[in-house]
Protein backbone atom coordinates (compact mmCIF):
# COMPACT_ATOMS: atom_id res chain seq x y z
CA MET A 1 -43.95 -3.77 53.66
CA SER A 2 -42.55 -6.29 51.23
CA SER A 3 -44.97 -7.89 48.89
CA PRO A 4 -44.38 -11.42 47.56
CA HIS A 5 -43.72 -9.91 44.12
CA LEU A 6 -40.93 -7.69 45.45
CA ILE A 7 -39.42 -10.56 47.45
CA HIS A 8 -39.41 -12.73 44.35
CA HIS A 9 -37.90 -9.85 42.33
CA ALA A 10 -35.31 -9.24 45.05
CA GLU A 11 -34.24 -12.87 44.95
CA ALA A 12 -33.94 -12.78 41.17
CA CYS A 13 -32.00 -9.57 40.72
CA GLY A 14 -30.36 -8.94 44.06
CA CYS A 15 -31.98 -5.60 44.87
CA ARG A 16 -33.46 -5.12 48.37
CA SER A 17 -36.55 -2.99 47.79
CA SER A 18 -38.67 -1.30 45.18
CA ILE A 19 -36.64 1.93 45.66
CA TYR A 20 -33.62 0.26 44.02
CA GLN A 21 -35.69 -1.31 41.31
CA GLY A 22 -35.94 1.94 39.26
CA PRO A 23 -32.27 2.96 39.38
CA TYR A 24 -31.19 -0.66 38.81
CA THR A 25 -33.20 -0.73 35.58
CA LEU A 26 -31.73 2.61 34.49
CA VAL A 27 -28.18 1.50 35.29
CA ARG A 28 -28.69 -1.70 33.36
CA ALA A 29 -30.12 0.20 30.38
CA ARG A 30 -27.10 2.55 30.46
CA GLU A 31 -24.74 -0.42 30.56
CA LYS A 32 -26.52 -2.01 27.61
CA GLU A 33 -26.32 1.26 25.66
CA LYS A 34 -22.61 1.57 26.48
CA GLU A 35 -22.07 -2.00 25.30
CA ARG A 36 -23.94 -1.27 22.05
CA GLU A 37 -21.82 1.85 21.55
CA ARG A 38 -18.62 -0.16 22.16
CA GLU A 39 -19.83 -2.74 19.62
CA ARG A 40 -20.55 0.01 17.07
CA GLU A 41 -17.06 1.44 17.68
CA ARG A 42 -15.49 -2.01 17.21
CA GLU A 43 -17.42 -2.40 13.94
CA ARG A 44 -16.21 1.04 12.75
CA GLU A 45 -12.63 0.04 13.63
CA ARG A 46 -12.99 -3.22 11.70
CA GLU A 47 -14.31 -1.26 8.70
CA ARG A 48 -11.37 1.16 8.91
CA GLU A 49 -8.98 -1.80 9.04
CA ARG A 50 -10.64 -3.37 5.99
CA GLU A 51 -10.31 -0.03 4.17
CA ARG A 52 -6.62 0.21 5.09
CA GLU A 53 -6.11 -3.37 3.84
CA ARG A 54 -7.82 -2.51 0.55
CA GLU A 55 -5.55 0.52 0.17
CA ARG A 56 -2.46 -1.60 0.85
CA GLU A 57 -3.56 -4.14 -1.76
CA LEU A 58 -4.24 -1.36 -4.28
CA LYS A 59 -0.83 0.22 -3.67
CA HIS A 60 0.81 -3.18 -4.03
CA THR A 61 -1.01 -3.82 -7.31
CA LEU A 62 -0.16 -0.35 -8.62
CA THR A 63 3.47 -0.93 -7.71
CA HIS A 64 3.49 -4.03 -9.88
CA ILE A 65 1.77 -2.20 -12.72
CA TYR A 66 4.23 0.71 -12.60
CA THR A 67 7.16 -1.69 -12.36
CA TYR A 68 6.03 -3.60 -15.43
CA LYS A 69 5.31 -0.35 -17.26
CA ALA A 70 8.78 0.96 -16.42
CA LEU A 71 10.39 -2.32 -17.51
CA ILE A 72 8.45 -2.38 -20.77
CA SER A 73 9.36 1.25 -21.45
CA TYR A 74 12.99 0.48 -20.71
CA VAL A 75 12.97 -2.53 -23.03
CA TYR A 76 11.42 -0.48 -25.84
CA LYS A 77 13.95 2.28 -25.23
CA ILE A 78 16.76 -0.26 -25.54
CA LYS A 79 15.06 -1.79 -28.57
CA ASP A 80 14.86 1.63 -30.26
CA THR A 81 18.56 2.21 -29.72
CA GLY A 82 19.36 -1.26 -31.04
CA THR A 83 21.78 -2.20 -28.29
CA THR A 84 20.06 -5.41 -27.23
CA SER A 85 18.82 -6.73 -30.53
CA ALA A 86 19.99 -10.27 -29.75
CA LEU A 87 18.16 -10.25 -26.42
CA LEU A 88 14.93 -9.06 -28.01
CA GLY A 89 15.19 -11.49 -30.90
CA ASP A 90 15.78 -8.94 -33.66
CA ASP A 91 17.97 -10.39 -36.35
CA ASP A 92 17.67 -7.33 -38.60
CA ASP A 93 20.77 -5.69 -37.14
CA ASP A 94 23.23 -8.27 -38.50
CA ASP A 95 24.73 -5.79 -40.94
CA LYS A 96 25.75 -3.31 -38.19
CA ASP A 97 29.35 -3.21 -36.98
CA ASP A 98 29.69 -4.55 -33.41
CA ASP A 99 32.76 -2.37 -32.67
CA ASP A 100 30.56 0.75 -32.42
CA ASP A 101 28.85 -0.59 -29.27
CA ASP A 102 32.01 -0.06 -27.17
CA ASP A 103 32.00 3.69 -27.87
CA ASP A 104 28.38 4.08 -26.67
CA ASP A 105 29.30 3.18 -23.08
CA ASP A 106 31.39 6.34 -22.69
CA ASP A 107 28.44 8.56 -23.63
CA ASP A 108 26.42 7.42 -20.61
CA TYR A 109 28.78 9.04 -18.10
CA HIS A 110 29.77 12.68 -17.76
CA VAL A 111 31.83 14.71 -15.33
CA ASP A 112 30.11 17.56 -13.51
CA ASP A 113 32.49 20.52 -13.75
CA ASP A 114 31.46 21.97 -10.37
CA ASP A 115 32.20 19.04 -8.10
CA GLU A 116 33.56 16.50 -10.59
CA GLU A 117 31.17 13.68 -9.73
CA TYR A 118 30.35 10.94 -12.16
CA GLN A 119 26.65 10.71 -12.75
CA TYR A 120 24.68 8.23 -14.73
CA GLU A 121 22.62 10.24 -17.19
CA ASP A 122 19.71 7.81 -17.30
CA ASP A 123 19.11 8.44 -13.58
CA TYR A 124 18.41 12.10 -14.28
CA ASN A 125 16.62 11.86 -17.59
CA ASP A 126 12.94 11.11 -17.99
CA ASP A 127 11.35 8.42 -15.83
CA LYS A 128 10.18 6.43 -18.83
CA GLY A 129 12.26 3.32 -18.54
CA SER A 130 15.20 4.82 -16.73
CA LYS A 131 17.00 2.67 -14.22
CA SER A 132 15.99 4.96 -11.37
CA ALA A 133 12.30 4.57 -12.24
CA ILE A 134 12.67 0.81 -12.19
CA SER A 135 14.47 0.81 -8.86
CA ARG A 136 11.89 3.18 -7.36
CA SER A 137 9.05 1.00 -8.59
CA ILE A 138 10.26 -2.22 -7.02
CA VAL A 139 9.25 -1.89 -3.37
CA CYS A 140 7.34 -5.14 -2.80
C-alpha cells in the first residue's frame, strides 16, 4: 500500500499517506499566501507611516516659514511706525521728539463699553505681524 516514494515523503513532511498530501500542499499554499498578504499589509503600513512623517515635517517647516513671515511683517510694521528706529538701525529719526512715544502706548488699549474689558487692539487687527499671529505661529 505504501510505496517507497510515499514513505520517503511521509518522513520528510510528516504526513501519513497520499490522501493528506493534497490538502497539506493546499494548506501550505494558503499559509504562504496569507504570509504574503501580511507582508503587503506591513509594507502599506510602513508607507502610510512614511507619508505621515513627511506631512509632519512639512507642517513643521511651514510653521517656521509662517513664524518668520509674521516676525518680518511685524518688524516692518514697527519700522513703518518709527517706534523702534534704534533697534532697526535707522538714524534718520533723530530730529523727532522722544516725548511723543509715551502717548502712543495709550492708543493701543481701549475699553469695551459692553463688558468693560481691556483688549489689545493688535490681537484683533489683521494677522500681518500682529502679536497673536506670532504667538499662533510658534508651535514647535
